[in-house]
Amino acid sequence: MAEKPQEKQPPKTTKELLEVAAEGAKKVFTKKEYRDFLKFISGFHQYSIRNQFLIYMQNPHTTLVAGFHTWQTKFHRQVNKGEKGIRILAGGERKVERRIRQPDGTIKVEKDTKMFYHPAAVFDLTQTSGEPIKMLSHDLTGKVLNYAKIYDTLVHATDFRVRFSHELEQGGAKGTTKPLEKTILLRPGMSEQQTIKTLVHELAHSVLHADPSKMVDRSTRELEAESTAFVVCEHLGIDTSEYTFPYLANWSADKELSQLSKSLSRIQSTAEKFNHTLDQNLEKIQESVREKPLTLDQKIERAKTVATEQNLAKKEPGLERKVQEKTR
């Protein structure tokens, strides 16, 4: 008799969860939808390290950036009146010729290619209005058990001020972290699942990426923050794979998502910190739930008992004080 194949155990450790996330993200690359998406946004992330740094220093909360005319012609969006551009260095190649006089009096022409740079301005998605940008990730829907307690626990676990801001409704961002102001902004109106996932994502930024002296490239920052959110949400029983896998694929530098393994210890320690805080508070919640509230009949019976004891106290000297102490 053939042995019954063992059921595959669900991932438990942070490492196992990240392997699941990486595998899910890799599969996204095979979808035509994602290939089309990459083609659609190809102009947004092709910036040099120098320009990435310039963009970060001027606005570390950018989502997608393009030039003034690119927003108009490619994406049918207009830069909002009064918006200030993010200054970068635009460059290109220029063919140059050098005429060198030889000892015999002839002129030798040498051709060369030189790079030239000039200041240019780009604008973030949040600085524009017009046709919506199609994003690959689907918003999370659904409620979260003990949502209010979990939200409050996470908010009180940080020294950053967390608040909902309508300014995020104009762009594509669901949340943003402002390290200098020690503030986290969340888009209002999201589902409970999306709100918790986004909050953990931004909290991960506040822990891992708030120190400007330890700045890493943006793709690494997003991989670490979203991976931390995935691990914490799995711990809470919230399945974010439909949102997280495309998100990780979008920000990965290669199809192997090798950066996940390089960032494992940072992701793991951050996720475990949040999970430990949540576990402590959820245990208190569960203990309070065990003390079930009295039903209406139980309340009536209790009231009758108190009333009877109080009547007896009126008849028996010294009993009234004991009853009062008992019923406090």
C-alpha atoms as a PDB file:
ATOM      1  CA  MET A   1       0.000   0.000   0.000  1.00  0.00           C
ATOM      2  CA  ALA A   2       1.431   3.307  -1.094  1.00  0.00           C
ATOM      3  CA  GLU A   3       2.150   5.802   1.599  1.00  0.00           C
ATOM      4  CA  LYS A   4      -0.097   8.822   1.697  1.00  0.00           C
ATOM      5  CA  PRO A   5       1.881  11.848   0.539  1.00  0.00           C
ATOM      6  CA  GLN A   6       2.579  14.295   3.293  1.00  0.00           C
ATOM      7  CA  GLU A   7       0.683  17.547   3.121  1.00  0.00           C
ATOM      8  CA  LYS A   8       2.852  20.563   2.493  1.00  0.00           C
ATOM      9  CA  GLN A   9       3.193  22.513   5.693  1.00  0.00           C
ATOM     10  CA  PRO A  10       2.349  26.213   5.580  1.00  0.00           C
ATOM     11  CA  PRO A  11       5.312  28.595   5.940  1.00  0.00           C
ATOM     12  CA  LYS A  12       6.032  29.585   9.510  1.00  0.00           C
ATOM     13  CA  THR A  13       9.400  31.281   9.774  1.00  0.00           C
ATOM     14  CA  THR A  14      10.247  34.660   8.321  1.00  0.00           C
ATOM     15  CA  LYS A  15      12.658  33.013   5.890  1.00  0.00           C
ATOM     16  CA  GLU A  16       9.976  30.618   4.647  1.00  0.00           C
ATOM     17  CA  LEU A  17       7.480  33.443   4.237  1.00  0.00           C
ATOM     18  CA  LEU A  18       9.957  35.485   2.206  1.00  0.00           C
ATOM     19  CA  GLU A  19      10.630  32.473  -0.011  1.00  0.00           C
ATOM     20  CA  VAL A  20       6.884  32.251  -0.666  1.00  0.00           C
ATOM     21  CA  ALA A  21       6.773  35.975  -1.426  1.00  0.00           C
ATOM     22  CA  ALA A  22       9.733  35.731  -3.800  1.00  0.00           C
ATOM     23  CA  GLU A  23       8.230  32.751  -5.607  1.00  0.00           C
ATOM     24  CA  GLY A  24       4.898  34.512  -5.934  1.00  0.00           C
ATOM     25  CA  ALA A  25       6.592  37.628  -7.260  1.00  0.00           C
ATOM     26  CA  LYS A  26       8.563  35.615  -9.827  1.00  0.00           C
ATOM     27  CA  LYS A  27       5.347  34.086 -11.157  1.00  0.00           C
ATOM     28  CA  VAL A  28       3.959  37.546 -11.736  1.00  0.00           C
ATOM     29  CA  PHE A  29       6.590  38.072 -14.423  1.00  0.00           C
ATOM     30  CA  THR A  30       4.978  35.377 -16.564  1.00  0.00           C
ATOM     31  CA  LYS A  31       1.690  37.245 -16.750  1.00  0.00           C
ATOM     32  CA  LYS A  32       1.013  39.299 -19.860  1.00  0.00           C
ATOM     33  CA  GLU A  33      -0.629  41.878 -17.605  1.00  0.00           C
ATOM     34  CA  TYR A  34       2.626  42.463 -15.794  1.00  0.00           C
ATOM     35  CA  ARG A  35       4.719  42.618 -18.969  1.00  0.00           C
ATOM     36  CA  ASP A  36       2.352  45.270 -20.278  1.00  0.00           C
ATOM     37  CA  PHE A  37       2.595  47.082 -16.965  1.00  0.00           C
ATOM     38  CA  LEU A  38       6.400  47.122 -17.071  1.00  0.00           C
ATOM     39  CA  LYS A  39       6.277  48.546 -20.576  1.00  0.00           C
ATOM     40  CA  PHE A  40       3.770  51.165 -19.440  1.00  0.00           C
ATOM     41  CA  ILE A  41       5.927  52.484 -16.598  1.00  0.00           C
ATOM     42  CA  SER A  42       9.300  51.931 -18.246  1.00  0.00           C
ATOM     43  CA  GLY A  43      10.005  55.664 -18.241  1.00  0.00           C
ATOM     44  CA  PHE A  44       9.640  56.060 -14.484  1.00  0.00           C
ATOM     45  CA  HIS A  45      12.498  54.108 -12.957  1.00  0.00           C
ATOM     46  CA  GLN A  46      15.254  54.500 -15.534  1.00  0.00           C
ATOM     47  CA  TYR A  47      17.164  57.109 -13.596  1.00  0.00           C
ATOM     48  CA  SER A  48      20.843  57.098 -12.739  1.00  0.00           C
ATOM     49  CA  ILE A  49      22.021  56.678  -9.165  1.00  0.00           C
ATOM     50  CA  ARG A  50      22.880  60.391  -9.179  1.00  0.00           C
ATOM     51  CA  ASN A  51      19.365  61.366 -10.219  1.00  0.00           C
ATOM     52  CA  GLN A  52      17.795  58.888  -7.788  1.00  0.00           C
ATOM     53  CA  PHE A  53      19.743  60.641  -5.062  1.00  0.00           C
ATOM     54  CA  LEU A  54      18.668  64.092  -6.299  1.00  0.00           C
ATOM     55  CA  ILE A  55      15.012  63.024  -6.370  1.00  0.00           C
ATOM     56  CA  TYR A  56      15.244  61.524  -2.890  1.00  0.00           C
ATOM     57  CA  MET A  57      16.864  64.598  -1.372  1.00  0.00           C
ATOM     58  CA  GLN A  58      14.177  66.902  -2.792  1.00  0.00           C
ATOM     59  CA  ASN A  59      11.179  64.640  -2.237  1.00  0.00           C
ATOM     60  CA  PRO A  60      11.729  61.244  -0.563  1.00  0.00           C
ATOM     61  CA  HIS A  61       8.027  60.429  -0.975  1.00  0.00           C
ATOM     62  CA  THR A  62       7.852  60.337  -4.760  1.00  0.00           C
ATOM     63  CA  THR A  63       5.861  57.550  -6.367  1.00  0.00           C
ATOM     64  CA  LEU A  64       6.214  57.862 -10.153  1.00  0.00           C
ATOM     65  CA  VAL A  65       7.979  60.755 -11.891  1.00  0.00           C
ATOM     66  CA  ALA A  66       8.082  62.166 -15.417  1.00  0.00           C
ATOM     67  CA  GLY A  67       8.727  65.439 -17.206  1.00  0.00           C
ATOM     68  CA  PHE A  68       6.069  68.097 -17.792  1.00  0.00           C
ATOM     69  CA  HIS A  69       5.421  67.193 -21.436  1.00  0.00           C
ATOM     70  CA  THR A  70       5.689  63.452 -20.803  1.00  0.00           C
ATOM     71  CA  TRP A  71       2.804  63.651 -18.350  1.00  0.00           C
ATOM     72  CA  GLN A  72       0.757  65.404 -21.035  1.00  0.00           C
ATOM     73  CA  THR A  73       1.574  63.331 -24.092  1.00  0.00           C
ATOM     74  CA  LYS A  74       2.009  59.827 -22.673  1.00  0.00           C
ATOM     75  CA  PHE A  75      -0.262  59.771 -19.659  1.00  0.00           C
ATOM     76  CA  HIS A  76      -2.847  62.482 -20.382  1.00  0.00           C
ATOM     77  CA  ARG A  77      -2.262  64.205 -17.090  1.00  0.00           C
ATOM     78  CA  GLN A  78      -1.479  67.851 -16.317  1.00  0.00           C
ATOM     79  CA  VAL A  79       0.974  69.183 -13.761  1.00  0.00           C
ATOM     80  CA  ASN A  80      -1.044  71.059 -11.155  1.00  0.00           C
ATOM     81  CA  LYS A  81      -0.735  74.838 -11.135  1.00  0.00           C
ATOM     82  CA  GLY A  82       1.933  76.119  -8.775  1.00  0.00           C
ATOM     83  CA  GLU A  83       3.790  72.804  -8.423  1.00  0.00           C
ATOM     84  CA  LYS A  84       7.572  73.022  -8.189  1.00  0.00           C
ATOM     85  CA  GLY A  85       9.560  70.545 -10.231  1.00  0.00           C
ATOM     86  CA  ILE A  86      12.114  68.110  -8.856  1.00  0.00           C
ATOM     87  CA  ARG A  87      15.437  69.123 -10.367  1.00  0.00           C
ATOM     88  CA  ILE A  88      17.572  66.430 -11.980  1.00  0.00           C
ATOM     89  CA  LEU A  89      20.436  66.297 -14.466  1.00  0.00           C
ATOM     90  CA  ALA A  90      19.311  65.379 -17.957  1.00  0.00           C
ATOM     91  CA  GLY A  91      22.031  64.187 -20.276  1.00  0.00           C
ATOM     92  CA  GLY A  92      22.838  62.892 -23.667  1.00  0.00           C
ATOM     93  CA  GLU A  93      25.617  62.147 -26.095  1.00  0.00           C
ATOM     94  CA  ARG A  94      27.165  64.701 -28.409  1.00  0.00           C
ATOM     95  CA  LYS A  95      29.423  63.958 -31.354  1.00  0.00           C
ATOM     96  CA  VAL A  96      32.478  66.192 -31.358  1.00  0.00           C
ATOM     97  CA  GLU A  97      35.345  66.583 -33.763  1.00  0.00           C
ATOM     98  CA  ARG A  98      38.854  67.603 -32.919  1.00  0.00           C
ATOM     99  CA  ARG A  99      41.100  69.004 -35.638  1.00  0.00           C
ATOM    100  CA  ILE A 100      44.749  68.279 -34.918  1.00  0.00           C
ATOM    101  CA  ARG A 101      47.505  69.764 -37.045  1.00  0.00           C
ATOM    102  CA  GLN A 102      50.162  67.211 -37.862  1.00  0.00           C
ATOM    103  CA  PRO A 103      53.958  67.971 -38.109  1.00  0.00           C
ATOM    104  CA  ASP A 104      53.761  67.828 -41.903  1.00  0.00           C
ATOM    105  CA  GLY A 105      51.111  70.565 -41.882  1.00  0.00           C
ATOM    106  CA  THR A 106      48.106  68.329 -42.616  1.00  0.00           C
ATOM    107  CA  ILE A 107      44.975  68.370 -40.460  1.00  0.00           C
ATOM    108  CA  LYS A 108      43.836  65.179 -38.795  1.00  0.00           C
ATOM    109  CA  VAL A 109      40.182  65.000 -37.718  1.00  0.00           C
ATOM    110  CA  GLU A 110      39.406  62.835 -34.673  1.00  0.00           C
ATOM    111  CA  LYS A 111      35.802  62.058 -33.845  1.00  0.00           C
ATOM    112  CA  ASP A 112      34.703  61.495 -30.265  1.00  0.00           C
ATOM    113  CA  THR A 113      31.540  61.164 -28.207  1.00  0.00           C
ATOM    114  CA  LYS A 114      31.082  63.246 -25.083  1.00  0.00           C
ATOM    115  CA  MET A 115      28.350  63.287 -22.514  1.00  0.00           C
ATOM    116  CA  PHE A 116      26.668  66.564 -21.704  1.00  0.00           C
ATOM    117  CA  TYR A 117      24.312  67.417 -18.831  1.00  0.00           C
ATOM    118  CA  HIS A 118      21.826  70.167 -18.163  1.00  0.00           C
ATOM    119  CA  PRO A 119      19.307  70.839 -15.379  1.00  0.00           C
ATOM    120  CA  ALA A 120      15.792  69.540 -15.985  1.00  0.00           C
ATOM    121  CA  ALA A 121      12.603  69.168 -13.953  1.00  0.00           C
ATOM    122  CA  VAL A 122      10.391  66.144 -13.310  1.00  0.00           C
ATOM    123  CA  PHE A 123       7.131  65.973 -11.406  1.00  0.00           C
ATOM    124  CA  ASP A 124       5.698  63.276  -9.146  1.00  0.00           C
ATOM    125  CA  LEU A 125       2.346  61.618  -9.845  1.00  0.00           C
ATOM    126  CA  THR A 126       0.901  63.354  -6.788  1.00  0.00           C
ATOM    127  CA  GLN A 127       1.664  66.713  -8.420  1.00  0.00           C
ATOM    128  CA  THR A 128      -0.528  65.948 -11.424  1.00  0.00           C
ATOM    129  CA  SER A 129      -4.204  65.518 -12.282  1.00  0.00           C
ATOM    130  CA  GLY A 130      -5.949  63.735 -15.118  1.00  0.00           C
ATOM    131  CA  GLU A 131      -6.532  60.196 -16.289  1.00  0.00           C
ATOM    132  CA  PRO A 132      -5.905  57.553 -13.600  1.00  0.00           C
ATOM    133  CA  ILE A 133      -2.718  55.527 -13.701  1.00  0.00           C
ATOM    134  CA  LYS A 134      -3.406  51.825 -14.072  1.00  0.00           C
ATOM    135  CA  MET A 135      -1.617  49.955 -11.301  1.00  0.00           C
ATOM    136  CA  LEU A 136      -1.034  46.213 -11.236  1.00  0.00           C
ATOM    137  CA  SER A 137      -1.598  45.592  -7.530  1.00  0.00           C
ATOM    138  CA  HIS A 138      -5.186  45.105  -6.478  1.00  0.00           C
ATOM    139  CA  ASP A 139      -6.333  46.863  -3.336  1.00  0.00           C
ATOM    140  CA  LEU A 140      -6.939  44.609  -0.359  1.00  0.00           C
ATOM    141  CA  THR A 141     -10.513  44.315   0.812  1.00  0.00           C
ATOM    142  CA  GLY A 142     -12.130  42.887   3.904  1.00  0.00           C
ATOM    143  CA  LYS A 143     -12.184  43.426   7.605  1.00  0.00           C
ATOM    144  CA  VAL A 144      -9.640  42.551  10.291  1.00  0.00           C
ATOM    145  CA  LEU A 145     -10.501  40.824  13.566  1.00  0.00           C
ATOM    146  CA  ASN A 146      -9.765  43.220  16.451  1.00  0.00           C
ATOM    147  CA  TYR A 147      -8.959  45.905  13.878  1.00  0.00           C
ATOM    148  CA  ALA A 148      -9.210  48.867  16.274  1.00  0.00           C
ATOM    149  CA  LYS A 149      -6.968  47.208  18.882  1.00  0.00           C
ATOM    150  CA  ILE A 150      -4.388  46.161  16.282  1.00  0.00           C
ATOM    151  CA  TYR A 151      -4.361  49.633  14.729  1.00  0.00           C
ATOM    152  CA  ASP A 152      -3.982  51.328  18.136  1.00  0.00           C
ATOM    153  CA  THR A 153      -1.236  48.899  19.163  1.00  0.00           C
ATOM    154  CA  LEU A 154       0.789  49.606  16.029  1.00  0.00           C
ATOM    155  CA  VAL A 155       0.311  53.362  16.327  1.00  0.00           C
ATOM    156  CA  HIS A 156       1.439  53.363  19.962  1.00  0.00           C
ATOM    157  CA  ALA A 157       4.481  51.228  19.081  1.00  0.00           C
ATOM    158  CA  THR A 158       6.075  54.121  17.175  1.00  0.00           C
ATOM    159  CA  ASP A 159       7.205  57.604  18.088  1.00  0.00           C
ATOM    160  CA  PHE A 160       6.060  58.777  14.657  1.00  0.00           C
ATOM    161  CA  ARG A 161       2.752  60.614  14.519  1.00  0.00           C
ATOM    162  CA  VAL A 162       0.247  58.625  12.425  1.00  0.00           C
ATOM    163  CA  ARG A 163      -2.713  60.346  10.804  1.00  0.00           C
ATOM    164  CA  PHE A 164      -5.040  60.051   7.816  1.00  0.00           C
ATOM    165  CA  SER A 165      -4.567  62.696   5.123  1.00  0.00           C
ATOM    166  CA  HIS A 166      -6.850  63.574   2.213  1.00  0.00           C
ATOM    167  CA  GLU A 167      -3.842  64.902   0.287  1.00  0.00           C
ATOM    168  CA  LEU A 168      -2.953  61.295  -0.612  1.00  0.00           C
ATOM    169  CA  GLU A 169      -6.285  60.861  -2.409  1.00  0.00           C
ATOM    170  CA  GLN A 170      -4.991  62.924  -5.343  1.00  0.00           C
ATOM    171  CA  GLY A 171      -2.131  60.556  -6.199  1.00  0.00           C
ATOM    172  CA  GLY A 172      -1.401  56.867  -6.246  1.00  0.00           C
ATOM    173  CA  ALA A 173       0.175  56.576  -2.793  1.00  0.00           C
ATOM    174  CA  LYS A 174      -1.680  54.770  -0.017  1.00  0.00           C
ATOM    175  CA  GLY A 175       0.774  55.920   2.615  1.00  0.00           C
ATOM    176  CA  THR A 176       3.938  57.924   3.039  1.00  0.00           C
ATOM    177  CA  THR A 177       6.569  58.361   5.735  1.00  0.00           C
ATOM    178  CA  LYS A 178       8.129  61.759   6.477  1.00  0.00           C
ATOM    179  CA  PRO A 179      11.251  61.086   8.566  1.00  0.00           C
ATOM    180  CA  LEU A 180      12.184  64.725   9.179  1.00  0.00           C
ATOM    181  CA  GLU A 181       8.680  65.479  10.469  1.00  0.00           C
ATOM    182  CA  LYS A 182       8.421  62.060  12.192  1.00  0.00           C
ATOM    183  CA  THR A 183       5.010  61.641  10.581  1.00  0.00           C
ATOM    184  CA  ILE A 184       3.240  58.816   8.761  1.00  0.00           C
ATOM    185  CA  LEU A 185       0.314  59.693   6.503  1.00  0.00           C
ATOM    186  CA  LEU A 186      -2.339  57.180   5.437  1.00  0.00           C
ATOM    187  CA  ARG A 187      -4.956  57.556   2.750  1.00  0.00           C
ATOM    188  CA  PRO A 188      -8.451  57.651   4.295  1.00  0.00           C
ATOM    189  CA  GLY A 189     -11.233  55.386   3.056  1.00  0.00           C
ATOM    190  CA  MET A 190      -9.164  52.212   2.598  1.00  0.00           C
ATOM    191  CA  SER A 191     -10.396  48.831   3.806  1.00  0.00           C
ATOM    192  CA  GLU A 192      -9.298  47.547   7.204  1.00  0.00           C
ATOM    193  CA  GLN A 193      -6.918  45.036   5.603  1.00  0.00           C
ATOM    194  CA  GLN A 194      -5.379  47.634   3.293  1.00  0.00           C
ATOM    195  CA  THR A 195      -5.027  50.114   6.157  1.00  0.00           C
ATOM    196  CA  ILE A 196      -3.195  47.651   8.428  1.00  0.00           C
ATOM    197  CA  LYS A 197      -0.950  46.466   5.586  1.00  0.00           C
ATOM    198  CA  THR A 198      -0.100  50.032   4.573  1.00  0.00           C
ATOM    199  CA  LEU A 199       0.480  51.086   8.179  1.00  0.00           C
ATOM    200  CA  VAL A 200       2.969  48.242   8.771  1.00  0.00           C
ATOM    201  CA  HIS A 201       4.687  49.069   5.456  1.00  0.00           C
ATOM    202  CA  GLU A 202       5.176  52.696   6.516  1.00  0.00           C
ATOM    203  CA  LEU A 203       6.203  51.703  10.049  1.00  0.00           C
ATOM    204  CA  ALA A 204       8.885  49.496   8.509  1.00  0.00           C
ATOM    205  CA  HIS A 205      10.158  52.543   6.607  1.00  0.00           C
ATOM    206  CA  SER A 206      10.233  54.519   9.855  1.00  0.00           C
ATOM    207  CA  VAL A 207      12.358  51.827  11.519  1.00  0.00           C
ATOM    208  CA  LEU A 208      14.626  50.834   8.638  1.00  0.00           C
ATOM    209  CA  HIS A 209      14.978  53.898   6.453  1.00  0.00           C
ATOM    210  CA  ALA A 210      14.568  57.048   8.553  1.00  0.00           C
ATOM    211  CA  ASP A 211      18.301  57.555   9.099  1.00  0.00           C
ATOM    212  CA  PRO A 212      19.658  59.553   6.108  1.00  0.00           C
ATOM    213  CA  SER A 213      23.207  58.401   6.891  1.00  0.00           C
ATOM    214  CA  LYS A 214      22.151  54.804   6.143  1.00  0.00           C
ATOM    215  CA  MET A 215      20.258  55.484   2.943  1.00  0.00           C
ATOM    216  CA  VAL A 216      19.769  52.570   0.544  1.00  0.00           C
ATOM    217  CA  ASP A 217      18.357  52.640  -2.968  1.00  0.00           C
ATOM    218  CA  ARG A 218      14.598  52.928  -3.324  1.00  0.00           C
ATOM    219  CA  SER A 219      13.973  49.425  -4.696  1.00  0.00           C
ATOM    220  CA  THR A 220      15.674  47.957  -1.614  1.00  0.00           C
ATOM    221  CA  ARG A 221      13.657  50.213   0.684  1.00  0.00           C
ATOM    222  CA  GLU A 222      10.386  49.116  -0.906  1.00  0.00           C
ATOM    223  CA  LEU A 223      11.339  45.432  -0.921  1.00  0.00           C
ATOM    224  CA  GLU A 224      12.203  45.571   2.776  1.00  0.00           C
ATOM    225  CA  ALA A 225       9.107  47.528   3.809  1.00  0.00           C
ATOM    226  CA  GLU A 226       6.646  45.430   1.788  1.00  0.00           C
ATOM    227  CA  SER A 227       8.280  42.156   2.878  1.00  0.00           C
ATOM    228  CA  THR A 228       8.012  43.229   6.518  1.00  0.00           C
ATOM    229  CA  ALA A 229       4.339  44.065   5.984  1.00  0.00           C
ATOM    230  CA  PHE A 230       3.782  40.661   4.357  1.00  0.00           C
ATOM    231  CA  VAL A 231       5.334  38.786   7.297  1.00  0.00           C
ATOM    232  CA  VAL A 232       3.426  40.777   9.943  1.00  0.00           C
ATOM    233  CA  CYS A 233       0.114  40.474   8.094  1.00  0.00           C
ATOM    234  CA  GLU A 234       0.602  36.708   7.705  1.00  0.00           C
ATOM    235  CA  HIS A 235       1.147  36.588  11.468  1.00  0.00           C
ATOM    236  CA  LEU A 236      -2.188  38.374  11.904  1.00  0.00           C
ATOM    237  CA  GLY A 237      -3.945  36.037   9.484  1.00  0.00           C
ATOM    238  CA  ILE A 238      -4.260  38.665   6.726  1.00  0.00           C
ATOM    239  CA  ASP A 239      -3.453  37.334   3.257  1.00  0.00           C
ATOM    240  CA  THR A 240      -1.742  40.144   1.318  1.00  0.00           C
ATOM    241  CA  SER A 241      -0.231  37.971  -1.439  1.00  0.00           C
ATOM    242  CA  GLU A 242      -2.502  39.369  -4.171  1.00  0.00           C
ATOM    243  CA  TYR A 243      -1.144  42.829  -3.406  1.00  0.00           C
ATOM    244  CA  THR A 244       2.382  42.030  -2.196  1.00  0.00           C
ATOM    245  CA  PHE A 245       3.602  39.668  -4.923  1.00  0.00           C
ATOM    246  CA  PRO A 246       3.100  42.127  -7.821  1.00  0.00           C
ATOM    247  CA  TYR A 247       4.451  44.923  -5.625  1.00  0.00           C
ATOM    248  CA  LEU A 248       7.675  43.012  -4.925  1.00  0.00           C
ATOM    249  CA  ALA A 249       8.007  42.052  -8.579  1.00  0.00           C
ATOM    250  CA  ASN A 250       7.624  45.686  -9.598  1.00  0.00           C
ATOM    251  CA  TRP A 251      10.435  46.841  -7.311  1.00  0.00           C
ATOM    252  CA  SER A 252      12.795  43.899  -7.723  1.00  0.00           C
ATOM    253  CA  ALA A 253      16.061  44.455  -9.524  1.00  0.00           C
ATOM    254  CA  ASP A 254      15.975  40.964 -11.057  1.00  0.00           C
ATOM    255  CA  LYS A 255      13.659  38.000 -11.359  1.00  0.00           C
ATOM    256  CA  GLU A 256      15.396  36.133  -8.561  1.00  0.00           C
ATOM    257  CA  LEU A 257      14.646  38.899  -6.045  1.00  0.00           C
ATOM    258  CA  SER A 258      18.098  38.291  -4.571  1.00  0.00           C
ATOM    259  CA  GLN A 259      17.797  41.431  -2.463  1.00  0.00           C
ATOM    260  CA  LEU A 260      15.233  39.659  -0.252  1.00  0.00           C
ATOM    261  CA  SER A 261      17.861  37.246   1.052  1.00  0.00           C
ATOM    262  CA  LYS A 262      20.374  40.073   1.521  1.00  0.00           C
ATOM    263  CA  SER A 263      17.831  42.024   3.558  1.00  0.00           C
ATOM    264  CA  LEU A 264      16.530  38.997   5.480  1.00  0.00           C
ATOM    265  CA  SER A 265      17.979  39.901   8.893  1.00  0.00           C
ATOM    266  CA  ARG A 266      16.662  43.482   8.689  1.00  0.00           C
ATOM    267  CA  ILE A 267      13.214  42.309   7.615  1.00  0.00           C
ATOM    268  CA  GLN A 268      13.137  39.542  10.203  1.00  0.00           C
ATOM    269  CA  SER A 269      14.139  41.691  13.178  1.00  0.00           C
ATOM    270  CA  THR A 270      11.676  44.436  12.229  1.00  0.00           C
ATOM    271  CA  ALA A 271       8.778  42.040  11.645  1.00  0.00           C
ATOM    272  CA  GLU A 272       9.474  40.165  14.883  1.00  0.00           C
ATOM    273  CA  LYS A 273       9.487  43.431  16.805  1.00  0.00           C
ATOM    274  CA  PHE A 274       6.004  44.285  15.529  1.00  0.00           C
ATOM    275  CA  ASN A 275       4.748  40.715  16.012  1.00  0.00           C
ATOM    276  CA  HIS A 276       5.973  40.630  19.615  1.00  0.00           C
ATOM    277  CA  THR A 277       4.213  43.913  20.391  1.00  0.00           C
ATOM    278  CA  LEU A 278       1.021  42.695  18.738  1.00  0.00           C
ATOM    279  CA  ASP A 279       1.126  39.326  20.522  1.00  0.00           C
ATOM    280  CA  GLN A 280       1.406  40.975  23.923  1.00  0.00           C
ATOM    281  CA  ASN A 281      -1.626  43.159  23.279  1.00  0.00           C
ATOM    282  CA  LEU A 282      -3.699  40.484  21.525  1.00  0.00           C
ATOM    283  CA  GLU A 283      -3.168  38.198  24.518  1.00  0.00           C
ATOM    284  CA  LYS A 284      -4.716  40.872  26.714  1.00  0.00           C
ATOM    285  CA  ILE A 285      -7.601  41.174  24.254  1.00  0.00           C
ATOM    286  CA  GLN A 286      -8.199  37.420  24.316  1.00  0.00           C
ATOM    287  CA  GLU A 287      -8.167  37.387  28.124  1.00  0.00           C
ATOM    288  CA  SER A 288     -10.799  40.128  28.201  1.00  0.00           C
ATOM    289  CA  VAL A 289     -12.910  38.199  25.691  1.00  0.00           C
ATOM    290  CA  ARG A 290     -12.847  35.121  27.940  1.00  0.00           C
ATOM    291  CA  GLU A 291     -14.712  37.149  30.572  1.00  0.00           C
ATOM    292  CA  LYS A 292     -17.978  37.041  28.643  1.00  0.00           C
ATOM    293  CA  PRO A 293     -20.508  39.773  29.422  1.00  0.00           C
ATOM    294  CA  LEU A 294     -23.631  38.777  31.341  1.00  0.00           C
ATOM    295  CA  THR A 295     -26.764  37.942  29.404  1.00  0.00           C
ATOM    296  CA  LEU A 296     -29.992  39.841  30.103  1.00  0.00           C
ATOM    297  CA  ASP A 297     -31.355  36.956  32.215  1.00  0.00           C
ATOM    298  CA  GLN A 298     -28.118  36.824  34.210  1.00  0.00           C
ATOM    299  CA  LYS A 299     -28.292  40.566  34.824  1.00  0.00           C
ATOM    300  CA  ILE A 300     -31.898  40.216  36.059  1.00  0.00           C
ATOM    301  CA  GLU A 301     -30.970  37.364  38.399  1.00  0.00           C
ATOM    302  CA  ARG A 302     -28.012  39.351  39.713  1.00  0.00           C
ATOM    303  CA  ALA A 303     -30.235  42.377  40.318  1.00  0.00           C
ATOM    304  CA  LYS A 304     -32.726  40.181  42.218  1.00  0.00           C
ATOM    305  CA  THR A 305     -29.952  38.768  44.374  1.00  0.00           C
ATOM    306  CA  VAL A 306     -28.601  42.233  45.202  1.00  0.00           C
ATOM    307  CA  ALA A 307     -32.108  43.469  46.017  1.00  0.00           C
ATOM    308  CA  THR A 308     -32.769  40.505  48.312  1.00  0.00           C
ATOM    309  CA  GLU A 309     -29.475  40.983  50.132  1.00  0.00           C
ATOM    310  CA  GLN A 310     -30.173  44.672  50.593  1.00  0.00           C
ATOM    311  CA  ASN A 311     -33.631  43.909  52.059  1.00  0.00           C
ATOM    312  CA  LEU A 312     -32.062  41.446  54.462  1.00  0.00           C
ATOM    313  CA  ALA A 313     -29.475  44.047  55.434  1.00  0.00           C
ATOM    314  CA  LYS A 314     -32.223  46.379  56.558  1.00  0.00           C
ATOM    315  CA  LYS A 315     -33.466  43.697  58.956  1.00  0.00           C
ATOM    316  CA  GLU A 316     -30.090  42.483  60.234  1.00  0.00           C
ATOM    317  CA  PRO A 317     -27.779  45.099  61.843  1.00  0.00           C
ATOM    318  CA  GLY A 318     -24.208  45.064  60.567  1.00  0.00           C
ATOM    319  CA  LEU A 319     -25.059  43.176  57.378  1.00  0.00           C
ATOM    320  CA  GLU A 320     -25.644  46.325  55.260  1.00  0.00           C
ATOM    321  CA  ARG A 321     -21.967  47.322  55.211  1.00  0.00           C
ATOM    322  CA  LYS A 322     -20.913  43.797  54.143  1.00  0.00           C
ATOM    323  CA  VAL A 323     -23.450  43.794  51.295  1.00  0.00           C
ATOM    324  CA  GLN A 324     -22.255  47.169  50.041  1.00  0.00           C
ATOM    325  CA  GLU A 325     -18.653  45.960  50.034  1.00  0.00           C
ATOM    326  CA  LYS A 326     -19.686  42.786  48.205  1.00  0.00           C
ATOM    327  CA  THR A 327     -21.621  44.596  45.492  1.00  0.00           C
ATOM    328  CA  ARG A 328     -19.037  47.299  44.702  1.00  0.00           C
END
